[in-house]
Amino acid sequence: MNGKGVFLSFMIFLVIMAIIGLHAATSASSSKREQKLVEETAFDTINNSFNNLFEEIINLNKDGFAKDVQQRSMPFEYDLNKNKIGLKQSLPQRSDVLKGYMDGLNIYSIYTNNQNSTGKTRLQTEVIVQSREWGTAAMPEFPDLNYLILPQCLFYDLNGSGNMVLRAGLPGEPRCAKPFDFADLNAIYVSILFNSTNYTDGTLTCDGEFNSGGLCASDAFNPTSPEPYIGAFLIERCPASGCRVLSTAMGPYAYKTVSAHFDPAANEYGKIEIQATADYEIEIKLGRMDDADNFPVYVKNEYIDEPFEADLNVFFDQKIQLFYFTGFLITASKENIPIVRST
């Protein structure tokens, strides 16, 4: 009997231990599921908060009401259509327009931080700011405002110094799967519209692929050519007695077309210079002068007292997926959860 009693007690002990082990395993599994659910919920919350802010202020919408709202305060106009991007701005850009845009970004950042400074979900933003030490009262300087075109990895640099630049992205640039490749270009068109009668003594010269036998080339676009195409259209919207940089009549205005195909692998480029006055010039450069050249499009107006309108259209071989402002930083997180999403 004693042997049977010991055996029975041992069996009961094993059953009890099995129940305890099963309960512990069930509790651990339940705890893991609960923790996973908490983390998934936290990730969704963080992701949604980040995406909402990204779409509101950073990503530039392609069309519709959202684009119209964004466009109102921006210092340039843009148009996105599958594999084409259009950019239009004044050169130099008006300082009051740039200041208003940057002030608006900073006010939005401060408001966002104040609204999200409490609670378990945190949104922190930071935006590039203007320094009072930059420039002078007559001609203030602004930091470059960079907008990235993906997947092409091409930057649009905007500032108030009289330049309009498309800069090639390099290895290591954020969110670029590969560096910019000139072979991805299909065609580049830039239009310059002069409105001032002060352009009266200008001379026009062409270099590189834009030069043909000492004259400015004017080649037609060849759709069968594997080489990218560059075209510049210079238009003077001045009275007949006004601007005299160009000579070919186009109704009441004068215009000049300069265009050519070029081979990026051969470091070919097109360059146009307009000597507006004895001291100021306008420069348009399309293409690459050497292997170290990272500016496939460069437009410069040294005649800062007489701005003109620059309209740039770039066509790529592949679809544009994203065009966004890189100077507005977002960090989204949640209290006690090791999940952070940031630009």
C-alpha atoms as a PDB file:
ATOM      1  CA  MET A   1       0.000   0.000   0.000  1.00  0.00           C
ATOM      2  CA  ASN A   2       2.745   2.359   0.854  1.00  0.00           C
ATOM      3  CA  GLY A   3       4.350   1.731  -2.530  1.00  0.00           C
ATOM      4  CA  LYS A   4       1.043   2.374  -4.278  1.00  0.00           C
ATOM      5  CA  GLY A   5       0.530   5.540  -2.268  1.00  0.00           C
ATOM      6  CA  VAL A   6       3.952   6.895  -3.191  1.00  0.00           C
ATOM      7  CA  PHE A   7       3.370   6.077  -6.865  1.00  0.00           C
ATOM      8  CA  LEU A   8      -0.059   7.763  -6.830  1.00  0.00           C
ATOM      9  CA  SER A   9       1.348  10.845  -5.143  1.00  0.00           C
ATOM     10  CA  PHE A  10       4.131  11.030  -7.741  1.00  0.00           C
ATOM     11  CA  MET A  11       1.601  10.795 -10.603  1.00  0.00           C
ATOM     12  CA  ILE A  12      -0.511  13.555  -9.083  1.00  0.00           C
ATOM     13  CA  PHE A  13       2.646  15.649  -8.762  1.00  0.00           C
ATOM     14  CA  LEU A  14       3.428  15.139 -12.468  1.00  0.00           C
ATOM     15  CA  VAL A  15      -0.096  16.095 -13.476  1.00  0.00           C
ATOM     16  CA  ILE A  16       0.055  19.246 -11.359  1.00  0.00           C
ATOM     17  CA  MET A  17       3.459  20.174 -12.825  1.00  0.00           C
ATOM     18  CA  ALA A  18       2.138  19.577 -16.349  1.00  0.00           C
ATOM     19  CA  ILE A  19      -0.837  21.846 -15.666  1.00  0.00           C
ATOM     20  CA  ILE A  20       1.451  24.521 -14.252  1.00  0.00           C
ATOM     21  CA  GLY A  21       3.790  24.190 -17.262  1.00  0.00           C
ATOM     22  CA  LEU A  22       0.876  24.367 -19.701  1.00  0.00           C
ATOM     23  CA  HIS A  23      -0.500  27.430 -17.958  1.00  0.00           C
ATOM     24  CA  ALA A  24       2.912  29.082 -18.022  1.00  0.00           C
ATOM     25  CA  ALA A  25       3.337  28.291 -21.716  1.00  0.00           C
ATOM     26  CA  THR A  26      -0.177  29.521 -22.474  1.00  0.00           C
ATOM     27  CA  SER A  27       0.436  32.695 -20.497  1.00  0.00           C
ATOM     28  CA  ALA A  28       3.770  33.274 -22.233  1.00  0.00           C
ATOM     29  CA  SER A  29       2.173  32.704 -25.644  1.00  0.00           C
ATOM     30  CA  SER A  30      -0.702  35.008 -24.756  1.00  0.00           C
ATOM     31  CA  SER A  31       1.760  37.611 -23.504  1.00  0.00           C
ATOM     32  CA  LYS A  32       3.725  37.408 -26.742  1.00  0.00           C
ATOM     33  CA  ARG A  33       0.553  37.785 -28.787  1.00  0.00           C
ATOM     34  CA  GLU A  34      -0.493  40.770 -26.721  1.00  0.00           C
ATOM     35  CA  GLN A  35       2.971  42.329 -27.078  1.00  0.00           C
ATOM     36  CA  LYS A  36       2.926  41.699 -30.827  1.00  0.00           C
ATOM     37  CA  LEU A  37      -0.543  43.247 -31.073  1.00  0.00           C
ATOM     38  CA  VAL A  38       0.629  46.282 -29.095  1.00  0.00           C
ATOM     39  CA  GLU A  39       3.668  46.690 -31.357  1.00  0.00           C
ATOM     40  CA  GLU A  40       1.607  46.259 -34.532  1.00  0.00           C
ATOM     41  CA  THR A  41      -0.923  48.826 -33.301  1.00  0.00           C
ATOM     42  CA  ALA A  42       1.906  51.188 -32.350  1.00  0.00           C
ATOM     43  CA  PHE A  43       3.531  50.742 -35.769  1.00  0.00           C
ATOM     44  CA  ASP A  44       0.229  51.459 -37.549  1.00  0.00           C
ATOM     45  CA  THR A  45      -0.303  54.576 -35.417  1.00  0.00           C
ATOM     46  CA  ILE A  46       3.244  55.823 -36.028  1.00  0.00           C
ATOM     47  CA  ASN A  47       3.058  54.977 -39.722  1.00  0.00           C
ATOM     48  CA  ASN A  48      -0.286  56.736 -40.191  1.00  0.00           C
ATOM     49  CA  SER A  49       0.861  59.850 -38.325  1.00  0.00           C
ATOM     50  CA  PHE A  50       4.070  59.989 -40.353  1.00  0.00           C
ATOM     51  CA  ASN A  51       2.329  59.419 -43.696  1.00  0.00           C
ATOM     52  CA  ASN A  52      -0.324  62.051 -43.012  1.00  0.00           C
ATOM     53  CA  LEU A  53       2.294  64.702 -42.266  1.00  0.00           C
ATOM     54  CA  PHE A  54       4.485  63.564 -45.170  1.00  0.00           C
ATOM     55  CA  GLU A  55       1.581  63.945 -47.607  1.00  0.00           C
ATOM     56  CA  GLU A  56       0.548  67.307 -46.176  1.00  0.00           C
ATOM     57  CA  ILE A  57       3.862  69.144 -46.254  1.00  0.00           C
ATOM     58  CA  ILE A  58       6.695  67.133 -47.845  1.00  0.00           C
ATOM     59  CA  ASN A  59       5.360  65.179 -50.789  1.00  0.00           C
ATOM     60  CA  LEU A  60       4.338  67.365 -53.738  1.00  0.00           C
ATOM     61  CA  ASN A  61       1.025  66.094 -55.059  1.00  0.00           C
ATOM     62  CA  LYS A  62       0.567  65.457 -58.761  1.00  0.00           C
ATOM     63  CA  ASP A  63      -2.861  66.966 -59.204  1.00  0.00           C
ATOM     64  CA  GLY A  64      -6.191  67.833 -57.628  1.00  0.00           C
ATOM     65  CA  PHE A  65      -7.145  70.077 -54.731  1.00  0.00           C
ATOM     66  CA  ALA A  66      -4.167  68.990 -52.602  1.00  0.00           C
ATOM     67  CA  LYS A  67      -1.752  70.274 -55.253  1.00  0.00           C
ATOM     68  CA  ASP A  68      -3.664  73.552 -55.593  1.00  0.00           C
ATOM     69  CA  VAL A  69      -3.390  74.136 -51.841  1.00  0.00           C
ATOM     70  CA  GLN A  70       0.340  73.370 -51.769  1.00  0.00           C
ATOM     71  CA  GLN A  71       1.023  75.502 -54.849  1.00  0.00           C
ATOM     72  CA  ARG A  72      -0.416  78.704 -53.395  1.00  0.00           C
ATOM     73  CA  SER A  73       2.494  79.506 -51.084  1.00  0.00           C
ATOM     74  CA  MET A  74       5.331  77.879 -53.016  1.00  0.00           C
ATOM     75  CA  PRO A  75       8.062  79.978 -54.678  1.00  0.00           C
ATOM     76  CA  PHE A  76       7.794  77.990 -57.925  1.00  0.00           C
ATOM     77  CA  GLU A  77       5.208  76.219 -60.039  1.00  0.00           C
ATOM     78  CA  TYR A  78       5.474  72.563 -60.914  1.00  0.00           C
ATOM     79  CA  ASP A  79       3.746  70.012 -63.098  1.00  0.00           C
ATOM     80  CA  LEU A  80       4.104  66.225 -62.885  1.00  0.00           C
ATOM     81  CA  ASN A  81       2.903  63.956 -65.653  1.00  0.00           C
ATOM     82  CA  LYS A  82       4.155  60.359 -65.672  1.00  0.00           C
ATOM     83  CA  ASN A  83       7.754  60.675 -66.925  1.00  0.00           C
ATOM     84  CA  LYS A  84       7.845  64.478 -67.205  1.00  0.00           C
ATOM     85  CA  ILE A  85       8.403  67.232 -64.680  1.00  0.00           C
ATOM     86  CA  GLY A  86       7.879  70.928 -65.368  1.00  0.00           C
ATOM     87  CA  LEU A  87       9.328  73.693 -63.157  1.00  0.00           C
ATOM     88  CA  LYS A  88       8.701  77.400 -63.481  1.00  0.00           C
ATOM     89  CA  GLN A  89      10.200  80.186 -61.415  1.00  0.00           C
ATOM     90  CA  SER A  90      11.499  83.747 -61.483  1.00  0.00           C
ATOM     91  CA  LEU A  91      15.262  84.339 -61.699  1.00  0.00           C
ATOM     92  CA  PRO A  92      16.314  85.664 -59.311  1.00  0.00           C
ATOM     93  CA  GLN A  93      13.520  84.570 -57.018  1.00  0.00           C
ATOM     94  CA  ARG A  94      11.858  87.364 -55.078  1.00  0.00           C
ATOM     95  CA  SER A  95      13.151  87.426 -51.499  1.00  0.00           C
ATOM     96  CA  ASP A  96       9.719  88.238 -50.053  1.00  0.00           C
ATOM     97  CA  VAL A  97       8.250  85.147 -51.744  1.00  0.00           C
ATOM     98  CA  LEU A  98      11.028  82.933 -50.367  1.00  0.00           C
ATOM     99  CA  LYS A  99      10.752  84.467 -46.917  1.00  0.00           C
ATOM    100  CA  GLY A 100       6.995  83.969 -46.842  1.00  0.00           C
ATOM    101  CA  TYR A 101       7.366  80.338 -47.893  1.00  0.00           C
ATOM    102  CA  MET A 102      10.031  79.603 -45.275  1.00  0.00           C
ATOM    103  CA  ASP A 103       8.102  81.431 -42.549  1.00  0.00           C
ATOM    104  CA  GLY A 104       5.063  79.325 -43.391  1.00  0.00           C
ATOM    105  CA  LEU A 105       7.091  76.104 -43.103  1.00  0.00           C
ATOM    106  CA  ASN A 106       8.481  77.143 -39.720  1.00  0.00           C
ATOM    107  CA  ILE A 107       5.055  78.140 -38.372  1.00  0.00           C
ATOM    108  CA  TYR A 108       3.659  74.779 -39.504  1.00  0.00           C
ATOM    109  CA  SER A 109       6.571  72.962 -37.824  1.00  0.00           C
ATOM    110  CA  ILE A 110       6.078  74.819 -34.538  1.00  0.00           C
ATOM    111  CA  TYR A 111       2.325  74.159 -34.600  1.00  0.00           C
ATOM    112  CA  THR A 112       2.883  70.446 -35.298  1.00  0.00           C
ATOM    113  CA  ASN A 113       5.383  70.107 -32.444  1.00  0.00           C
ATOM    114  CA  ASN A 114       3.101  71.895 -29.982  1.00  0.00           C
ATOM    115  CA  GLN A 115       0.104  69.799 -30.959  1.00  0.00           C
ATOM    116  CA  ASN A 116       2.024  66.555 -30.542  1.00  0.00           C
ATOM    117  CA  SER A 117       4.252  67.381 -27.550  1.00  0.00           C
ATOM    118  CA  THR A 118       2.009  65.423 -25.173  1.00  0.00           C
ATOM    119  CA  GLY A 119       0.519  61.951 -25.358  1.00  0.00           C
ATOM    120  CA  LYS A 120       2.010  58.588 -26.149  1.00  0.00           C
ATOM    121  CA  THR A 121       2.417  59.198 -29.896  1.00  0.00           C
ATOM    122  CA  ARG A 122       5.092  61.816 -30.643  1.00  0.00           C
ATOM    123  CA  LEU A 123       5.604  63.783 -33.847  1.00  0.00           C
ATOM    124  CA  GLN A 124       8.673  66.005 -33.943  1.00  0.00           C
ATOM    125  CA  THR A 125       9.484  68.198 -36.956  1.00  0.00           C
ATOM    126  CA  GLU A 126      12.369  70.399 -37.955  1.00  0.00           C
ATOM    127  CA  VAL A 127      12.679  72.697 -40.976  1.00  0.00           C
ATOM    128  CA  ILE A 128      15.600  74.527 -42.548  1.00  0.00           C
ATOM    129  CA  VAL A 129      15.663  78.130 -41.329  1.00  0.00           C
ATOM    130  CA  GLN A 130      16.966  81.429 -42.594  1.00  0.00           C
ATOM    131  CA  SER A 131      19.914  82.992 -40.800  1.00  0.00           C
ATOM    132  CA  ARG A 132      19.969  86.726 -40.230  1.00  0.00           C
ATOM    133  CA  GLU A 133      23.669  86.669 -40.973  1.00  0.00           C
ATOM    134  CA  TRP A 134      23.157  85.578 -44.578  1.00  0.00           C
ATOM    135  CA  GLY A 135      23.281  88.211 -47.295  1.00  0.00           C
ATOM    136  CA  THR A 136      22.425  91.862 -47.015  1.00  0.00           C
ATOM    137  CA  ALA A 137      19.223  93.832 -46.700  1.00  0.00           C
ATOM    138  CA  ALA A 138      19.422  94.692 -50.405  1.00  0.00           C
ATOM    139  CA  MET A 139      20.036  91.127 -51.560  1.00  0.00           C
ATOM    140  CA  PRO A 140      19.406  88.563 -48.805  1.00  0.00           C
ATOM    141  CA  GLU A 141      20.678  85.058 -49.322  1.00  0.00           C
ATOM    142  CA  PHE A 142      18.659  81.962 -48.529  1.00  0.00           C
ATOM    143  CA  PRO A 143      19.696  78.384 -47.964  1.00  0.00           C
ATOM    144  CA  ASP A 144      19.126  76.059 -50.877  1.00  0.00           C
ATOM    145  CA  LEU A 145      15.682  74.487 -50.843  1.00  0.00           C
ATOM    146  CA  ASN A 146      16.142  71.000 -52.263  1.00  0.00           C
ATOM    147  CA  TYR A 147      13.445  68.860 -53.863  1.00  0.00           C
ATOM    148  CA  LEU A 148      14.271  65.267 -54.817  1.00  0.00           C
ATOM    149  CA  ILE A 149      12.912  63.511 -57.915  1.00  0.00           C
ATOM    150  CA  LEU A 150      12.721  59.709 -57.540  1.00  0.00           C
ATOM    151  CA  PRO A 151      13.646  57.145 -58.748  1.00  0.00           C
ATOM    152  CA  GLN A 152      15.814  59.283 -61.039  1.00  0.00           C
ATOM    153  CA  CYS A 153      17.745  60.714 -58.046  1.00  0.00           C
ATOM    154  CA  LEU A 154      17.788  64.250 -59.418  1.00  0.00           C
ATOM    155  CA  PHE A 155      17.634  67.311 -57.146  1.00  0.00           C
ATOM    156  CA  TYR A 156      15.935  70.608 -57.917  1.00  0.00           C
ATOM    157  CA  ASP A 157      17.794  73.356 -56.023  1.00  0.00           C
ATOM    158  CA  LEU A 158      15.952  76.587 -55.427  1.00  0.00           C
ATOM    159  CA  ASN A 159      17.304  79.750 -53.827  1.00  0.00           C
ATOM    160  CA  GLY A 160      17.144  83.496 -54.226  1.00  0.00           C
ATOM    161  CA  SER A 161      20.613  84.080 -55.675  1.00  0.00           C
ATOM    162  CA  GLY A 162      19.585  83.996 -59.323  1.00  0.00           C
ATOM    163  CA  ASN A 163      20.204  80.303 -60.070  1.00  0.00           C
ATOM    164  CA  MET A 164      17.913  77.517 -61.201  1.00  0.00           C
ATOM    165  CA  VAL A 165      19.641  74.145 -60.919  1.00  0.00           C
ATOM    166  CA  LEU A 166      18.906  70.478 -61.425  1.00  0.00           C
ATOM    167  CA  ARG A 167      21.675  68.650 -59.570  1.00  0.00           C
ATOM    168  CA  ALA A 168      22.559  64.991 -59.988  1.00  0.00           C
ATOM    169  CA  GLY A 169      22.140  62.820 -56.912  1.00  0.00           C
ATOM    170  CA  LEU A 170      25.258  60.948 -55.849  1.00  0.00           C
ATOM    171  CA  PRO A 171      25.868  57.581 -54.147  1.00  0.00           C
ATOM    172  CA  GLY A 172      24.801  57.727 -50.528  1.00  0.00           C
ATOM    173  CA  GLU A 173      22.044  60.286 -51.126  1.00  0.00           C
ATOM    174  CA  PRO A 174      19.017  59.492 -48.949  1.00  0.00           C
ATOM    175  CA  ARG A 175      16.308  57.365 -50.555  1.00  0.00           C
ATOM    176  CA  CYS A 176      18.227  56.995 -53.840  1.00  0.00           C
ATOM    177  CA  ALA A 177      18.436  53.393 -54.980  1.00  0.00           C
ATOM    178  CA  LYS A 178      21.155  54.412 -57.440  1.00  0.00           C
ATOM    179  CA  PRO A 179      22.914  57.678 -58.361  1.00  0.00           C
ATOM    180  CA  PHE A 180      21.593  59.869 -61.170  1.00  0.00           C
ATOM    181  CA  ASP A 181      22.452  58.628 -64.645  1.00  0.00           C
ATOM    182  CA  PHE A 182      22.414  60.975 -67.647  1.00  0.00           C
ATOM    183  CA  ALA A 183      21.296  58.023 -69.751  1.00  0.00           C
ATOM    184  CA  ASP A 184      17.908  58.216 -67.963  1.00  0.00           C
ATOM    185  CA  LEU A 185      17.220  61.546 -69.657  1.00  0.00           C
ATOM    186  CA  ASN A 186      15.074  61.689 -72.767  1.00  0.00           C
ATOM    187  CA  ALA A 187      14.857  65.427 -73.401  1.00  0.00           C
ATOM    188  CA  ILE A 188      15.382  68.759 -71.634  1.00  0.00           C
ATOM    189  CA  TYR A 189      13.661  71.986 -72.638  1.00  0.00           C
ATOM    190  CA  VAL A 190      14.213  75.360 -71.021  1.00  0.00           C
ATOM    191  CA  SER A 191      12.379  78.543 -71.941  1.00  0.00           C
ATOM    192  CA  ILE A 192      13.545  81.999 -70.903  1.00  0.00           C
ATOM    193  CA  LEU A 193      11.044  84.839 -71.151  1.00  0.00           C
ATOM    194  CA  PHE A 194      12.434  88.367 -71.007  1.00  0.00           C
ATOM    195  CA  ASN A 195      10.023  91.099 -70.009  1.00  0.00           C
ATOM    196  CA  SER A 196      12.358  94.045 -69.486  1.00  0.00           C
ATOM    197  CA  THR A 197      13.326  96.693 -72.004  1.00  0.00           C
ATOM    198  CA  ASN A 198      16.678  96.967 -70.226  1.00  0.00           C
ATOM    199  CA  TYR A 199      17.925  94.013 -72.281  1.00  0.00           C
ATOM    200  CA  THR A 200      18.853  96.297 -75.149  1.00  0.00           C
ATOM    201  CA  ASP A 201      22.527  95.623 -75.843  1.00  0.00           C
ATOM    202  CA  GLY A 202      22.609  91.853 -75.405  1.00  0.00           C
ATOM    203  CA  THR A 203      24.675  89.472 -77.503  1.00  0.00           C
ATOM    204  CA  LEU A 204      24.051  85.732 -77.809  1.00  0.00           C
ATOM    205  CA  THR A 205      26.802  83.101 -78.052  1.00  0.00           C
ATOM    206  CA  CYS A 206      26.613  79.296 -78.089  1.00  0.00           C
ATOM    207  CA  ASP A 207      29.188  76.667 -77.171  1.00  0.00           C
ATOM    208  CA  GLY A 208      29.513  72.900 -76.974  1.00  0.00           C
ATOM    209  CA  GLU A 209      26.740  70.946 -78.671  1.00  0.00           C
ATOM    210  CA  PHE A 210      24.830  74.174 -79.188  1.00  0.00           C
ATOM    211  CA  ASN A 211      27.548  75.447 -81.519  1.00  0.00           C
ATOM    212  CA  SER A 212      27.339  74.424 -85.170  1.00  0.00           C
ATOM    213  CA  GLY A 213      29.998  75.861 -87.428  1.00  0.00           C
ATOM    214  CA  GLY A 214      30.310  78.986 -85.297  1.00  0.00           C
ATOM    215  CA  LEU A 215      26.543  79.491 -85.167  1.00  0.00           C
ATOM    216  CA  CYS A 216      23.934  78.447 -82.613  1.00  0.00           C
ATOM    217  CA  ALA A 217      22.619  75.015 -83.549  1.00  0.00           C
ATOM    218  CA  SER A 218      18.921  74.514 -84.133  1.00  0.00           C
ATOM    219  CA  ASP A 219      18.505  70.786 -84.694  1.00  0.00           C
ATOM    220  CA  ALA A 220      15.104  69.140 -84.699  1.00  0.00           C
ATOM    221  CA  PHE A 221      14.256  66.381 -82.217  1.00  0.00           C
ATOM    222  CA  ASN A 222      14.910  62.933 -83.688  1.00  0.00           C
ATOM    223  CA  PRO A 223      12.674  60.343 -81.926  1.00  0.00           C
ATOM    224  CA  THR A 224      14.868  57.487 -83.201  1.00  0.00           C
ATOM    225  CA  SER A 225      18.059  58.916 -81.691  1.00  0.00           C
ATOM    226  CA  PRO A 226      19.315  57.148 -78.537  1.00  0.00           C
ATOM    227  CA  GLU A 227      20.896  60.403 -77.354  1.00  0.00           C
ATOM    228  CA  PRO A 228      19.073  62.870 -75.071  1.00  0.00           C
ATOM    229  CA  TYR A 229      17.847  66.109 -76.601  1.00  0.00           C
ATOM    230  CA  ILE A 230      18.400  69.594 -75.227  1.00  0.00           C
ATOM    231  CA  GLY A 231      16.461  72.608 -76.389  1.00  0.00           C
ATOM    232  CA  ALA A 232      16.408  76.240 -75.280  1.00  0.00           C
ATOM    233  CA  PHE A 233      13.753  78.745 -76.293  1.00  0.00           C
ATOM    234  CA  LEU A 234      14.552  82.407 -75.724  1.00  0.00           C
ATOM    235  CA  ILE A 235      11.617  84.779 -76.021  1.00  0.00           C
ATOM    236  CA  GLU A 236      11.573  88.553 -75.675  1.00  0.00           C
ATOM    237  CA  ARG A 237       8.184  89.861 -74.644  1.00  0.00           C
ATOM    238  CA  CYS A 238       9.185  93.479 -75.093  1.00  0.00           C
ATOM    239  CA  PRO A 239       7.865  96.240 -77.367  1.00  0.00           C
ATOM    240  CA  ALA A 240       9.428  96.462 -80.810  1.00  0.00           C
ATOM    241  CA  SER A 241      11.674  99.278 -79.613  1.00  0.00           C
ATOM    242  CA  GLY A 242      12.663  97.404 -76.463  1.00  0.00           C
ATOM    243  CA  CYS A 243      14.781  94.248 -76.131  1.00  0.00           C
ATOM    244  CA  ARG A 244      17.321  93.563 -78.882  1.00  0.00           C
ATOM    245  CA  VAL A 245      19.023  90.386 -77.698  1.00  0.00           C
ATOM    246  CA  LEU A 246      17.179  88.319 -80.334  1.00  0.00           C
ATOM    247  CA  SER A 247      16.215  89.102 -83.886  1.00  0.00           C
ATOM    248  CA  THR A 248      13.821  86.526 -85.330  1.00  0.00           C
ATOM    249  CA  ALA A 249      10.292  87.886 -85.309  1.00  0.00           C
ATOM    250  CA  MET A 250       7.473  85.938 -83.671  1.00  0.00           C
ATOM    251  CA  GLY A 251       4.410  88.147 -83.896  1.00  0.00           C
ATOM    252  CA  PRO A 252       5.039  91.189 -81.707  1.00  0.00           C
ATOM    253  CA  TYR A 253       7.948  89.453 -79.977  1.00  0.00           C
ATOM    254  CA  ALA A 254      11.385  88.115 -80.902  1.00  0.00           C
ATOM    255  CA  TYR A 255      12.636  84.602 -80.245  1.00  0.00           C
ATOM    256  CA  LYS A 256      15.552  82.234 -80.774  1.00  0.00           C
ATOM    257  CA  THR A 257      15.637  78.434 -80.632  1.00  0.00           C
ATOM    258  CA  VAL A 258      18.868  76.628 -79.774  1.00  0.00           C
ATOM    259  CA  SER A 259      18.783  72.817 -79.717  1.00  0.00           C
ATOM    260  CA  ALA A 260      20.800  69.638 -80.275  1.00  0.00           C
ATOM    261  CA  HIS A 261      21.140  65.979 -79.327  1.00  0.00           C
ATOM    262  CA  PHE A 262      24.088  65.119 -77.083  1.00  0.00           C
ATOM    263  CA  ASP A 263      25.956  62.059 -75.856  1.00  0.00           C
ATOM    264  CA  PRO A 264      26.279  62.048 -72.025  1.00  0.00           C
ATOM    265  CA  ALA A 265      28.970  59.352 -72.153  1.00  0.00           C
ATOM    266  CA  ALA A 266      31.157  61.663 -74.230  1.00  0.00           C
ATOM    267  CA  ASN A 267      30.766  64.539 -71.730  1.00  0.00           C
ATOM    268  CA  GLU A 268      29.071  66.644 -74.363  1.00  0.00           C
ATOM    269  CA  TYR A 269      27.115  69.680 -73.304  1.00  0.00           C
ATOM    270  CA  GLY A 270      25.328  72.730 -74.572  1.00  0.00           C
ATOM    271  CA  LYS A 271      26.002  76.220 -73.266  1.00  0.00           C
ATOM    272  CA  ILE A 272      24.320  79.511 -74.073  1.00  0.00           C
ATOM    273  CA  GLU A 273      25.508  82.895 -72.849  1.00  0.00           C
ATOM    274  CA  ILE A 274      23.652  86.157 -73.196  1.00  0.00           C
ATOM    275  CA  GLN A 275      25.592  89.301 -72.441  1.00  0.00           C
ATOM    276  CA  ALA A 276      22.693  91.391 -71.159  1.00  0.00           C
ATOM    277  CA  THR A 277      24.830  94.446 -70.404  1.00  0.00           C
ATOM    278  CA  ALA A 278      28.538  95.159 -70.130  1.00  0.00           C
ATOM    279  CA  ASP A 279      28.519  93.798 -66.566  1.00  0.00           C
ATOM    280  CA  TYR A 280      25.844  91.124 -66.448  1.00  0.00           C
ATOM    281  CA  GLU A 281      25.210  87.906 -68.296  1.00  0.00           C
ATOM    282  CA  ILE A 282      22.712  85.090 -68.427  1.00  0.00           C
ATOM    283  CA  GLU A 283      23.965  81.519 -68.705  1.00  0.00           C
ATOM    284  CA  ILE A 284      22.136  78.345 -69.643  1.00  0.00           C
ATOM    285  CA  LYS A 285      24.008  75.056 -69.490  1.00  0.00           C
ATOM    286  CA  LEU A 286      22.518  71.669 -70.336  1.00  0.00           C
ATOM    287  CA  GLY A 287      24.493  68.447 -70.232  1.00  0.00           C
ATOM    288  CA  ARG A 288      27.817  67.523 -68.661  1.00  0.00           C
ATOM    289  CA  MET A 289      31.154  69.248 -69.286  1.00  0.00           C
ATOM    290  CA  ASP A 290      33.297  66.591 -67.533  1.00  0.00           C
ATOM    291  CA  ASP A 291      33.044  63.572 -65.212  1.00  0.00           C
ATOM    292  CA  ALA A 292      32.987  65.839 -62.144  1.00  0.00           C
ATOM    293  CA  ASP A 293      30.035  67.871 -63.442  1.00  0.00           C
ATOM    294  CA  ASN A 294      26.878  67.087 -61.451  1.00  0.00           C
ATOM    295  CA  PHE A 295      24.611  69.766 -62.927  1.00  0.00           C
ATOM    296  CA  PRO A 296      22.660  68.472 -65.924  1.00  0.00           C
ATOM    297  CA  VAL A 297      20.647  71.715 -65.975  1.00  0.00           C
ATOM    298  CA  TYR A 298      21.976  75.067 -64.832  1.00  0.00           C
ATOM    299  CA  VAL A 299      20.371  78.468 -65.461  1.00  0.00           C
ATOM    300  CA  LYS A 300      21.919  81.620 -64.031  1.00  0.00           C
ATOM    301  CA  ASN A 301      20.881  85.267 -64.103  1.00  0.00           C
ATOM    302  CA  GLU A 302      23.564  87.682 -62.938  1.00  0.00           C
ATOM    303  CA  TYR A 303      21.341  90.616 -63.863  1.00  0.00           C
ATOM    304  CA  ILE A 304      19.559  90.479 -60.498  1.00  0.00           C
ATOM    305  CA  ASP A 305      17.841  93.840 -60.962  1.00  0.00           C
ATOM    306  CA  GLU A 306      15.955  92.485 -63.975  1.00  0.00           C
ATOM    307  CA  PRO A 307      14.400  89.087 -63.228  1.00  0.00           C
ATOM    308  CA  PHE A 308      13.041  86.903 -65.991  1.00  0.00           C
ATOM    309  CA  GLU A 309      10.825  83.844 -66.062  1.00  0.00           C
ATOM    310  CA  ALA A 310      12.445  80.422 -66.495  1.00  0.00           C
ATOM    311  CA  ASP A 311      10.324  77.445 -67.533  1.00  0.00           C
ATOM    312  CA  LEU A 312      12.077  74.068 -67.391  1.00  0.00           C
ATOM    313  CA  ASN A 313      10.654  70.757 -68.647  1.00  0.00           C
ATOM    314  CA  VAL A 314      12.524  67.479 -68.239  1.00  0.00           C
ATOM    315  CA  PHE A 315      11.463  64.153 -69.778  1.00  0.00           C
ATOM    316  CA  PHE A 316      12.794  60.859 -68.406  1.00  0.00           C
ATOM    317  CA  ASP A 317      12.820  57.321 -69.779  1.00  0.00           C
ATOM    318  CA  GLN A 318      10.963  56.027 -66.737  1.00  0.00           C
ATOM    319  CA  LYS A 319       7.996  57.137 -64.661  1.00  0.00           C
ATOM    320  CA  ILE A 320       8.462  59.653 -61.848  1.00  0.00           C
ATOM    321  CA  GLN A 321       7.389  58.081 -58.558  1.00  0.00           C
ATOM    322  CA  LEU A 322       8.029  60.846 -56.036  1.00  0.00           C
ATOM    323  CA  PHE A 323       8.861  64.557 -55.931  1.00  0.00           C
ATOM    324  CA  TYR A 324       9.352  65.835 -52.392  1.00  0.00           C
ATOM    325  CA  PHE A 325      10.922  68.560 -50.245  1.00  0.00           C
ATOM    326  CA  THR A 326      14.021  67.377 -48.366  1.00  0.00           C
ATOM    327  CA  GLY A 327      14.261  70.333 -45.957  1.00  0.00           C
ATOM    328  CA  PHE A 328      11.363  69.371 -43.668  1.00  0.00           C
ATOM    329  CA  LEU A 329      12.326  66.585 -41.252  1.00  0.00           C
ATOM    330  CA  ILE A 330       9.818  64.355 -39.437  1.00  0.00           C
ATOM    331  CA  THR A 331      10.362  61.893 -36.583  1.00  0.00           C
ATOM    332  CA  ALA A 332       7.401  59.785 -35.407  1.00  0.00           C
ATOM    333  CA  SER A 333       7.604  57.585 -32.303  1.00  0.00           C
ATOM    334  CA  LYS A 334       5.498  56.114 -29.489  1.00  0.00           C
ATOM    335  CA  GLU A 335       6.174  56.124 -25.764  1.00  0.00           C
ATOM    336  CA  ASN A 336       7.791  52.921 -24.392  1.00  0.00           C
ATOM    337  CA  ILE A 337       7.789  51.307 -27.865  1.00  0.00           C
ATOM    338  CA  PRO A 338      11.142  50.885 -29.676  1.00  0.00           C
ATOM    339  CA  ILE A 339       9.668  51.919 -33.050  1.00  0.00           C
ATOM    340  CA  VAL A 340      10.721  55.163 -34.767  1.00  0.00           C
ATOM    341  CA  ARG A 341      10.071  56.373 -38.308  1.00  0.00           C
ATOM    342  CA  SER A 342      11.842  59.418 -39.694  1.00  0.00           C
ATOM    343  CA  THR A 343      12.695  61.121 -42.973  1.00  0.00           C
END
